[in-house]
Each structure stands twice: as C-alpha cells, then as structure tokens.
Protein backbone atom coordinates (compact mmCIF):
# COMPACT_ATOMS: atom_id res chain seq x y z
CA MET A 1 -16.82 -15.41 3.21
CA HIS A 2 -17.25 -14.30 6.92
CA THR A 3 -14.58 -13.78 9.80
CA SER A 4 -14.69 -12.39 12.83
CA LEU A 5 -13.17 -9.38 11.74
CA SER A 6 -15.76 -8.82 9.04
CA GLU A 7 -18.13 -8.83 11.45
CA LYS A 8 -16.18 -6.56 13.53
CA PHE A 9 -16.30 -3.84 10.82
CA GLY A 10 -19.79 -4.53 9.37
CA ILE A 11 -18.36 -5.38 5.96
CA GLU A 12 -19.55 -7.95 3.58
CA TYR A 13 -16.26 -9.53 2.71
CA PRO A 14 -13.05 -9.27 4.90
CA ILE A 15 -11.11 -7.58 2.02
CA PHE A 16 -9.07 -4.63 3.20
CA GLY A 17 -8.33 -2.56 -0.01
CA PHE A 18 -5.09 -0.06 0.49
CA THR A 19 -5.11 2.65 -2.35
CA PRO A 20 -3.71 6.21 -2.55
CA SER A 21 -6.80 6.85 -4.69
CA GLU A 22 -9.98 7.69 -2.86
CA HIS A 23 -12.23 7.00 -6.05
CA VAL A 24 -10.87 3.49 -5.73
CA ALA A 25 -10.95 3.39 -1.94
CA ALA A 26 -14.75 4.30 -1.77
CA ALA A 27 -15.46 1.80 -4.61
CA ILE A 28 -14.27 -1.09 -2.49
CA SER A 29 -16.11 0.04 0.77
CA ARG A 30 -19.25 0.44 -1.39
CA ALA A 31 -18.32 -2.99 -3.33
CA GLY A 32 -18.51 -4.70 0.27
CA GLY A 33 -14.57 -4.56 1.24
CA LEU A 34 -13.47 -1.79 3.21
CA GLY A 35 -11.31 0.73 0.82
CA VAL A 36 -7.84 2.25 2.98
CA LEU A 37 -6.94 5.50 1.93
CA GLY A 38 -3.13 5.62 1.80
CA CYS A 39 -2.30 9.56 3.25
CA VAL A 40 1.12 10.25 2.25
CA ARG A 41 0.86 12.01 -0.94
CA PHE A 42 -0.98 14.83 1.31
CA ASN A 43 1.21 17.42 2.18
CA ASP A 44 -1.49 19.77 2.98
CA PRO A 45 -4.13 18.49 6.01
CA GLY A 46 -6.46 21.01 4.14
CA GLU A 47 -6.68 18.57 0.94
CA LEU A 48 -6.86 15.52 3.25
CA GLU A 49 -9.66 16.89 5.23
CA GLU A 50 -11.54 17.78 1.72
CA VAL A 51 -10.85 14.21 0.44
CA LEU A 52 -12.25 12.88 3.70
CA THR A 53 -15.02 14.83 3.54
CA TRP A 54 -15.75 13.37 -0.06
CA MET A 55 -15.42 9.76 1.15
CA ASP A 56 -17.75 10.32 3.78
CA GLU A 57 -20.00 11.62 1.18
CA ASN A 58 -19.74 9.08 -1.24
CA THR A 59 -19.27 5.20 0.28
CA ASP A 60 -22.95 4.90 0.99
CA GLY A 61 -22.57 5.32 4.55
CA LYS A 62 -20.21 1.80 4.64
CA PRO A 63 -17.14 2.00 6.78
CA TYR A 64 -13.40 3.23 5.09
CA GLY A 65 -9.99 3.43 6.98
CA VAL A 66 -6.77 5.21 6.23
CA ASP A 67 -3.38 4.49 6.48
CA VAL A 68 -0.79 6.66 7.18
CA VAL A 69 3.27 6.46 7.20
CA MET A 70 4.76 6.87 10.49
CA PRO A 71 8.51 5.32 11.34
CA ALA A 72 8.47 3.99 14.93
CA LYS A 73 11.97 6.12 15.35
CA VAL A 74 11.49 9.75 14.59
CA PRO A 75 13.32 10.21 11.29
CA THR A 76 14.86 13.57 10.82
CA GLU A 77 12.98 16.41 10.70
CA GLY A 78 13.00 19.82 9.03
CA THR A 79 11.26 21.95 6.44
CA PRO A 80 12.08 20.93 2.71
CA SER A 81 14.83 23.44 2.78
CA ASP A 82 16.13 22.17 5.51
CA LEU A 83 16.28 18.74 4.77
CA ASP A 84 17.48 19.52 0.88
CA SER A 85 20.85 20.96 2.47
CA LEU A 86 21.41 17.29 3.52
CA ILE A 87 21.16 16.04 0.42
CA PRO A 88 24.82 15.21 -1.16
CA PRO A 89 25.56 17.05 -4.64
CA GLU A 90 26.61 13.71 -6.07
CA HIS A 91 23.10 12.54 -5.64
CA ARG A 92 21.76 15.23 -7.21
CA ALA A 93 24.18 14.92 -10.16
CA PHE A 94 23.28 11.24 -10.58
CA VAL A 95 19.66 11.53 -10.65
CA ASP A 96 19.84 14.51 -13.38
CA ARG A 97 22.12 12.92 -15.58
CA THR A 98 20.25 9.78 -15.23
CA LEU A 99 16.95 11.34 -16.47
CA THR A 100 18.69 12.78 -19.34
CA GLU A 101 19.90 9.51 -20.31
CA LEU A 102 16.73 7.91 -20.08
CA GLY A 103 15.41 11.08 -22.21
CA VAL A 104 13.28 12.42 -19.49
CA PRO A 105 12.38 15.94 -20.20
CA PRO A 106 12.26 18.41 -17.63
CA LEU A 107 9.35 19.64 -15.65
CA ASP A 108 7.11 22.58 -17.79
CA SER A 109 8.03 26.03 -16.05
CA GLY A 110 5.13 28.07 -17.16
CA ILE A 111 3.10 25.16 -14.90
CA GLU A 112 3.30 25.29 -10.79
CA HIS A 113 4.40 21.70 -9.57
CA ALA A 114 4.00 20.46 -6.47
CA GLU A 115 6.55 20.52 -3.38
CA GLY A 116 8.09 16.78 -2.75
CA VAL A 117 6.10 14.79 -0.66
CA LEU A 118 6.32 15.22 2.86
CA GLY A 119 4.27 12.55 4.41
CA TRP A 120 7.26 10.66 4.96
CA LEU A 121 7.62 13.11 7.73
CA HIS A 122 6.56 12.13 11.36
CA SER A 123 4.77 15.52 11.91
CA VAL A 124 3.01 15.57 9.03
CA ALA A 125 1.73 11.92 9.30
CA ARG A 126 0.61 13.02 12.93
CA SER A 127 -1.49 16.07 10.95
CA HIS A 128 -3.01 13.09 9.03
CA VAL A 129 -3.97 11.29 12.47
CA ASP A 130 -5.49 14.64 13.18
CA VAL A 131 -7.38 15.07 10.25
CA ALA A 132 -8.44 11.53 10.14
CA LEU A 133 -9.85 11.13 13.44
CA GLY A 134 -12.48 14.14 12.36
CA HIS A 135 -13.90 12.00 9.84
CA ARG A 136 -16.19 8.37 10.43
CA ILE A 137 -13.00 6.35 10.08
CA ALA A 138 -13.13 2.85 10.84
CA LEU A 139 -9.44 2.07 11.08
CA ILE A 140 -6.18 3.86 10.99
CA ALA A 141 -3.65 1.82 9.87
CA ASN A 142 0.40 2.30 9.78
CA ALA A 143 2.81 1.12 6.89
CA LEU A 144 5.74 1.32 8.61
CA GLY A 145 5.33 -0.49 12.02
CA SER A 146 3.62 0.64 15.59
CA PRO A 147 2.85 4.46 15.68
CA PRO A 148 4.12 5.85 18.32
CA LYS A 149 2.13 5.03 21.86
CA ASP A 150 0.29 8.27 22.56
CA VAL A 151 -0.75 8.03 18.81
CA ILE A 152 -2.48 4.37 19.22
CA ASP A 153 -3.73 5.62 22.65
CA ARG A 154 -5.60 8.43 20.84
CA VAL A 155 -7.08 7.13 18.26
CA HIS A 156 -8.01 4.42 20.96
CA GLU A 157 -10.19 7.00 22.77
CA LYS A 158 -12.03 7.74 19.57
CA GLY A 159 -12.87 3.84 19.28
CA VAL A 160 -10.98 3.49 16.36
CA PRO A 161 -8.79 0.00 16.25
CA VAL A 162 -5.16 0.43 15.07
CA ALA A 163 -3.36 -1.80 12.26
CA ALA A 164 0.21 -1.90 11.54
CA LEU A 165 1.94 -3.74 8.65
CA ALA A 166 4.77 -6.79 9.81
CA GLY A 167 6.96 -8.38 7.79
CA ALA A 168 8.77 -10.66 10.60
CA VAL A 169 7.83 -12.37 13.67
CA GLU A 170 9.24 -10.07 16.15
CA HIS A 171 7.83 -7.10 14.32
CA ALA A 172 4.22 -8.59 15.50
CA ARG A 173 5.24 -9.52 18.98
CA ARG A 174 6.28 -5.60 19.24
CA HIS A 175 3.11 -4.24 17.72
CA VAL A 176 0.82 -6.37 20.08
CA GLU A 177 2.88 -5.14 23.17
CA LYS A 178 2.28 -1.51 22.30
CA GLY A 179 -1.49 -2.18 21.36
CA VAL A 180 -1.95 -2.26 18.28
CA ASP A 181 -5.69 -4.36 17.34
CA ILE A 182 -4.60 -5.67 13.78
CA VAL A 183 -1.20 -7.09 12.34
CA ILE A 184 -0.75 -7.07 8.50
CA ALA A 185 1.26 -9.90 8.27
CA GLN A 186 2.87 -8.66 4.66
CA GLY A 187 5.16 -11.11 3.18
CA TYR A 188 8.29 -10.71 0.36
CA GLU A 189 5.87 -10.50 -2.70
CA ALA A 190 3.88 -7.51 -1.60
CA GLY A 191 4.35 -3.97 -3.58
CA GLY A 192 5.91 -1.03 -1.12
CA HIS A 193 7.42 -1.56 2.05
CA THR A 194 8.17 -5.09 2.52
CA GLY A 195 10.65 -7.61 4.50
CA GLU A 196 12.36 -10.77 3.41
CA ILE A 197 9.76 -13.70 4.85
CA ALA A 198 7.52 -14.72 2.26
CA SER A 199 3.51 -15.03 2.84
CA MET A 200 2.92 -18.50 2.82
CA VAL A 201 5.53 -18.64 5.56
CA LEU A 202 5.07 -15.38 7.21
CA VAL A 203 0.79 -15.42 8.18
CA PRO A 204 0.98 -19.01 9.86
CA GLU A 205 4.00 -17.84 11.83
CA ILE A 206 2.64 -14.31 13.07
CA VAL A 207 -1.12 -16.09 13.75
CA ASP A 208 0.91 -18.85 15.91
CA ALA A 209 3.00 -15.84 17.49
CA ILE A 210 -0.01 -13.62 18.69
CA GLY A 211 -2.65 -16.20 19.36
CA ASP A 212 -6.04 -14.34 20.21
CA SER A 213 -4.44 -11.10 21.25
CA ALA A 214 -4.83 -9.51 17.65
CA ALA A 215 -6.21 -10.08 14.39
CA VAL A 216 -4.31 -10.40 11.41
CA LEU A 217 -4.15 -9.73 7.73
CA ALA A 218 -2.50 -11.82 5.41
CA ALA A 219 -0.45 -8.94 2.92
CA GLY A 220 1.31 -10.11 -0.65
CA GLY A 221 0.70 -11.86 -3.54
CA ILE A 222 -3.20 -11.93 -3.22
CA GLY A 223 -5.27 -11.18 -6.91
CA SER A 224 -7.68 -14.09 -6.46
CA GLY A 225 -10.37 -15.86 -4.73
CA ARG A 226 -7.97 -19.14 -4.41
CA GLN A 227 -5.66 -16.68 -2.66
CA VAL A 228 -8.01 -15.56 -0.50
CA ALA A 229 -9.00 -18.88 0.47
CA ALA A 230 -4.94 -19.84 0.72
CA ALA A 231 -4.67 -16.75 3.61
CA LEU A 232 -7.75 -17.48 5.26
CA SER A 233 -6.76 -21.12 5.55
CA LEU A 234 -3.15 -20.36 6.98
CA GLY A 235 -5.06 -18.56 10.26
CA ALA A 236 -5.85 -15.22 9.04
CA SER A 237 -8.95 -13.56 9.49
CA GLY A 238 -8.97 -11.36 6.33
CA VAL A 239 -6.94 -10.11 3.71
CA TRP A 240 -5.06 -6.69 2.62
CA MET A 241 -4.76 -5.76 -1.11
CA GLY A 242 -2.89 -3.05 -2.57
CA SER A 243 -1.14 -3.54 -5.96
CA TYR A 244 -4.56 -5.19 -7.31
CA TRP A 245 -6.23 -2.22 -7.43
CA LEU A 246 -3.61 0.00 -9.33
CA THR A 247 -5.43 -1.31 -12.67
CA THR A 248 -9.01 -0.54 -11.62
CA SER A 249 -11.00 1.44 -13.97
CA GLU A 250 -11.66 3.67 -11.02
CA TYR A 251 -7.68 4.67 -10.50
CA LYS A 252 -7.20 7.98 -12.07
CA LEU A 253 -3.90 9.14 -10.24
CA GLY A 254 -0.90 9.13 -12.92
CA GLY A 255 -2.78 10.35 -16.41
CA ALA A 256 -5.74 7.27 -16.22
CA SER A 257 -8.13 8.86 -18.59
CA PRO A 258 -11.33 7.44 -20.53
CA GLU A 259 -9.21 7.30 -23.60
CA GLY A 260 -7.00 4.92 -22.03
CA PRO A 261 -4.68 3.53 -19.11
CA SER A 262 -1.80 5.53 -17.68
CA ALA A 263 1.63 5.19 -18.41
CA VAL A 264 1.88 3.64 -15.59
CA GLN A 265 -0.99 1.20 -15.69
CA GLN A 266 0.41 0.26 -19.24
CA ALA A 267 3.50 -0.84 -17.62
CA PHE A 268 2.02 -2.79 -15.33
CA LEU A 269 -0.47 -4.23 -17.60
CA ARG A 270 2.72 -5.86 -19.96
CA ALA A 271 4.36 -6.87 -16.86
CA THR A 272 4.83 -10.40 -15.33
CA SER A 273 5.46 -11.61 -12.04
CA SER A 274 9.20 -11.59 -12.16
CA ASP A 275 9.30 -7.43 -13.56
CA THR A 276 9.92 -6.14 -9.76
CA VAL A 277 13.12 -5.02 -7.63
CA ARG A 278 13.01 -4.54 -3.86
CA SER A 279 14.83 -1.69 -3.40
CA ARG A 280 15.51 2.05 -1.09
CA ILE A 281 15.54 4.04 -4.46
CA TYR A 282 11.93 4.91 -3.77
CA THR A 283 11.79 6.03 -0.07
CA GLY A 284 14.93 4.77 1.56
CA LYS A 285 13.94 2.05 3.32
CA PRO A 286 13.49 -1.31 1.06
CA ALA A 287 10.42 -1.36 -1.05
CA ARG A 288 9.26 -3.48 -4.03
CA LEU A 289 8.97 -1.44 -7.36
CA LEU A 290 8.18 -2.34 -10.86
CA LYS A 291 11.57 -3.14 -12.66
CA THR A 292 12.38 -0.39 -15.06
CA LYS A 293 14.92 1.70 -16.66
CA TRP A 294 14.76 4.06 -13.65
CA THR A 295 15.41 1.00 -11.30
CA GLU A 296 18.00 -0.63 -13.30
CA ALA A 297 19.91 2.98 -13.48
CA TRP A 298 20.63 2.72 -9.50
CA SER A 299 21.67 -0.73 -10.06
CA LYS A 300 24.88 -0.29 -12.05
CA PRO A 301 27.94 0.14 -10.50
CA ASP A 302 28.30 4.35 -10.61
CA ALA A 303 24.87 4.39 -8.58
CA PRO A 304 25.13 6.27 -5.25
CA ALA A 305 23.69 4.08 -2.45
CA PRO A 306 20.34 5.57 -1.73
CA LEU A 307 19.71 7.64 1.10
CA PRO A 308 17.82 7.11 4.37
CA MET A 309 14.05 8.23 5.06
CA PRO A 310 13.17 10.48 4.34
CA LEU A 311 15.87 12.44 2.16
CA GLN A 312 15.65 9.71 -0.47
CA ASN A 313 12.21 10.45 -1.23
CA LEU A 314 13.10 14.23 -1.34
CA LEU A 315 15.79 13.46 -3.85
CA VAL A 316 13.99 11.53 -6.21
CA SER A 317 10.43 13.57 -5.76
CA GLU A 318 11.02 15.84 -8.47
CA ALA A 319 12.37 13.22 -10.98
CA HIS A 320 9.28 11.12 -10.35
CA GLN A 321 7.12 14.10 -11.21
CA ARG A 322 9.21 14.28 -14.64
CA ILE A 323 9.02 10.73 -15.01
CA ALA A 324 4.63 10.88 -14.83
CA ALA A 325 5.00 13.68 -16.87
CA SER A 326 7.23 12.12 -19.98
CA GLU A 327 4.20 8.87 -19.98
CA ASP A 328 6.98 6.49 -20.76
CA PRO A 329 6.08 3.12 -19.67
CA ASP A 330 9.78 2.54 -19.86
CA VAL A 331 10.80 4.94 -17.36
CA VAL A 332 7.92 4.97 -14.44
CA ALA A 333 8.76 4.66 -10.55
CA MET A 334 5.64 3.13 -8.84
CA PRO A 335 5.74 0.30 -6.16
CA VAL A 336 3.89 -3.02 -6.94
CA GLY A 337 4.04 -6.55 -6.15
CA GLN A 338 4.61 -9.87 -7.59
CA ILE A 339 0.74 -10.25 -8.20
CA VAL A 340 1.64 -7.67 -11.13
CA GLY A 341 1.51 -10.81 -13.45
CA ARG A 342 -2.39 -11.24 -12.49
CA MET A 343 -2.98 -7.23 -13.69
CA ASN A 344 -3.55 -7.76 -17.14
CA GLU A 345 -6.71 -5.72 -17.70
CA ILE A 346 -8.65 -2.24 -16.65
CA ARG A 347 -11.82 -3.35 -14.66
CA PRO A 348 -14.15 -1.84 -12.33
CA VAL A 349 -13.76 -2.02 -8.91
CA ALA A 350 -16.98 -4.25 -8.49
CA GLU A 351 -16.00 -6.58 -11.31
CA VAL A 352 -12.67 -7.40 -9.31
CA MET A 353 -14.47 -8.09 -5.88
CA ASP A 354 -17.29 -10.23 -7.41
CA GLU A 355 -14.40 -12.12 -9.22
CA LEU A 356 -12.50 -12.33 -5.92
CA VAL A 357 -15.50 -14.04 -4.25
CA ALA A 358 -16.49 -16.19 -6.90
CA GLY A 359 -12.99 -17.65 -6.89
CA PHE A 360 -13.06 -18.31 -3.42
CA ASP A 361 -16.43 -19.85 -3.34
CA SER A 362 -14.70 -22.31 -6.18
CA ALA A 363 -11.56 -22.78 -4.20
CA VAL A 364 -13.47 -23.53 -0.71
CA SER A 365 -15.52 -25.58 -2.70
CA ARG A 366 -12.88 -27.84 -4.66
CA LEU A 367 -10.88 -27.74 -1.30
CA ASP A 368 -14.08 -29.55 0.28
CA GLY A 369 -14.50 -31.80 -2.61
CA PHE A 370 -10.88 -33.68 -0.82
CA ARG A 371 -12.51 -34.37 1.80
CA ASP A 372 -12.74 -38.21 2.80
CA ARG A 373 -16.50 -38.83 3.07
CA SER A 374 -16.06 -42.81 3.29
CA HIS A 375 -16.95 -42.37 6.96
CA ILE A 376 -20.02 -40.39 6.51
CA GLY A 377 -23.12 -41.65 7.72
CA GLU A 378 -21.47 -44.40 9.92
C-alpha cells in the first residue's frame, strides 16, 4: 500500500489517523501510519508543549502531525467571562433543565474542573501552531478549512505541509488557491464537522477538480481495508480516519481503564451505523455526533437554536463535563461517524492497522480477479 503521499511523509502506509489522544496518535505512527493529534482540547499552550514533547519521545522517530481548529473567518473573541455574557439566559436554562431531566448530577464541588474548551478561539488555535512548530511535526491540518494565509506561509517556511478539510468542490478549490498542500475530502458520513455530500461522490469530484495541484485524502466512512482500497480507487492518495480509533485500547480519554471501556466507548460498541445525527449543538457548526438522549433533547420543539461558534461550545462545556462524569452510555456527547457501526470491540492500534492492511490486500486481489485475462499471451 504505497502512494505518493506515503513516500512524501516516509510512512509505511498512507493512513492518516486523527485523534485527540496522544497515546493513540503515537501508536498510529509507530504502526506505520501518520498519527495526527487534535489540539482543540488544550487551553494551555504549556500543556500542549508537554504533550508534543512526549510525542517526540514516543513515536520511535517516526513522523506525526497536529490538527488545529482555525476558522477561515475570525469568530467572536474575548475572555471566557466576556463570551459568557453573550450567552442568552434561556439557553442556559434549557441546558440546566435538560441535564436535570436526564439525571445528570452536578460536578463535584470538591474537585477543580477545567474551564470550557477554548481551542475553538482563533487566538488559541494560533498558539497551538506556535507550539507545534517548535517540534518535529510533519503536518499541520486545519479542521475548519484553510488557515489564514499568513499561517500557511509561516508553516511552509518551516518546511511543513498544510492540510485542510473540505466538504465540497468549491472548498477544495479555495484551499488550493490559498496554498494548502493536501485536501481532506470529508464526506457526509464522517464524524465531527462535515458537509452534505457523501464520500463516494465527493472524493472523485475533488480529485478531478484540483488535479495535480494538491494531494487528496479521503475521509468519512472508512473502517476497513476494503474501504481504503475504494478510496484509493476513487483517486485519493491516502485516507484520513478519525472515528475508528476511538475504540482502540490506547484511547484513555473519557474514563477508559484496564478494568473496561469508558461510557463513551460502551455507547460506541453497541451503536449501529444509523445511530448518529448531524447537528450544530456541539460547536455551533454542523457536526456528526452519536445519537443519545442528549442529542434528542436538542431536537425537541422547545429546544433553542444552537448558538454560533464559539458560544455554543462554551454553553455546553460544563454540560459535557457533567455528562462525562456521570458515566452513563445513554447520555454521552461525542462526535463520531457512521462507521461507528463497525466499531464493535476494543483492540490495540497495531491490530487495527494490521487488519486494514490485510483487508486492503485482499480487496485489491479480489478486484484483480475481475480482470478479463482472455487477451493475455496473445
């Protein structure tokens, strides 16, 4: 499984694995792919500095990347207290009432809890770029499209390629015009921020539209070697996988332990491909989430409309912490793609990678068997 991108990055397989967990990201790189660490959860640049230092030391010298969340248009900025004042009281009342109805207890007042995730703020995302460029990263990806031109230029000066997610052909063209090196064609099936066009349609559209001006990674609905082969056959130079790593044994965020999976992982393990919903309730932008009692509450007639980014995330930040602490699989708040229907067991990253490669080889051999060989030897 070798493509121009695997050669460019010096990796064994053109499998780019996005994850908020440094342990999973490092394991993906060690297993022959390229682990990409999501930075949005780091409010403190110092914490990200420590984590990337750990990544430097635990990837066996193999390349890894980072993913930031930097909107093309600078959103409302300010301190958490400034932004809190912009949140309508009726939205707060709805969240409090819903948590009570769902039986989600308040946070333990005797324990210090983190403030809301500020990685959605443009200034914080820029600090993530600053920190990342001080490490041996091989890629910076932006989850919300093209970063500002000055950021792209600065990253390129360091010899680091830039990737950006696209949910439509016009997005991909804009990315290339701004200097993006890799377009991540993320289809409707994907978890997190995603558009309205399915991967089978989107990937070849973007490949045809941008030609050789940038490489294309296929994303959305990929959780087997067959799907990797399909993505490459559509013209992609590799795949970008996110959801599938959430049920690996290295993923310890959200309470997973040697004693068993976390509540979020339990919810994933029992979910089908029909158990997701695309909504703005997580960040203020359309994102695919696991369908739970929490998401259903926001779809009721009395629910308020989600706020724009970053206000919506600040509104639900404490709710997300309370939901996580409650450890109830029926009331989780987590992005995941429709591939969740294949996420049926907890396994090490290396085992998942081996299965992807074996499945790819099998799929390619099967396709090769369809060739008309009657002319061979003529």
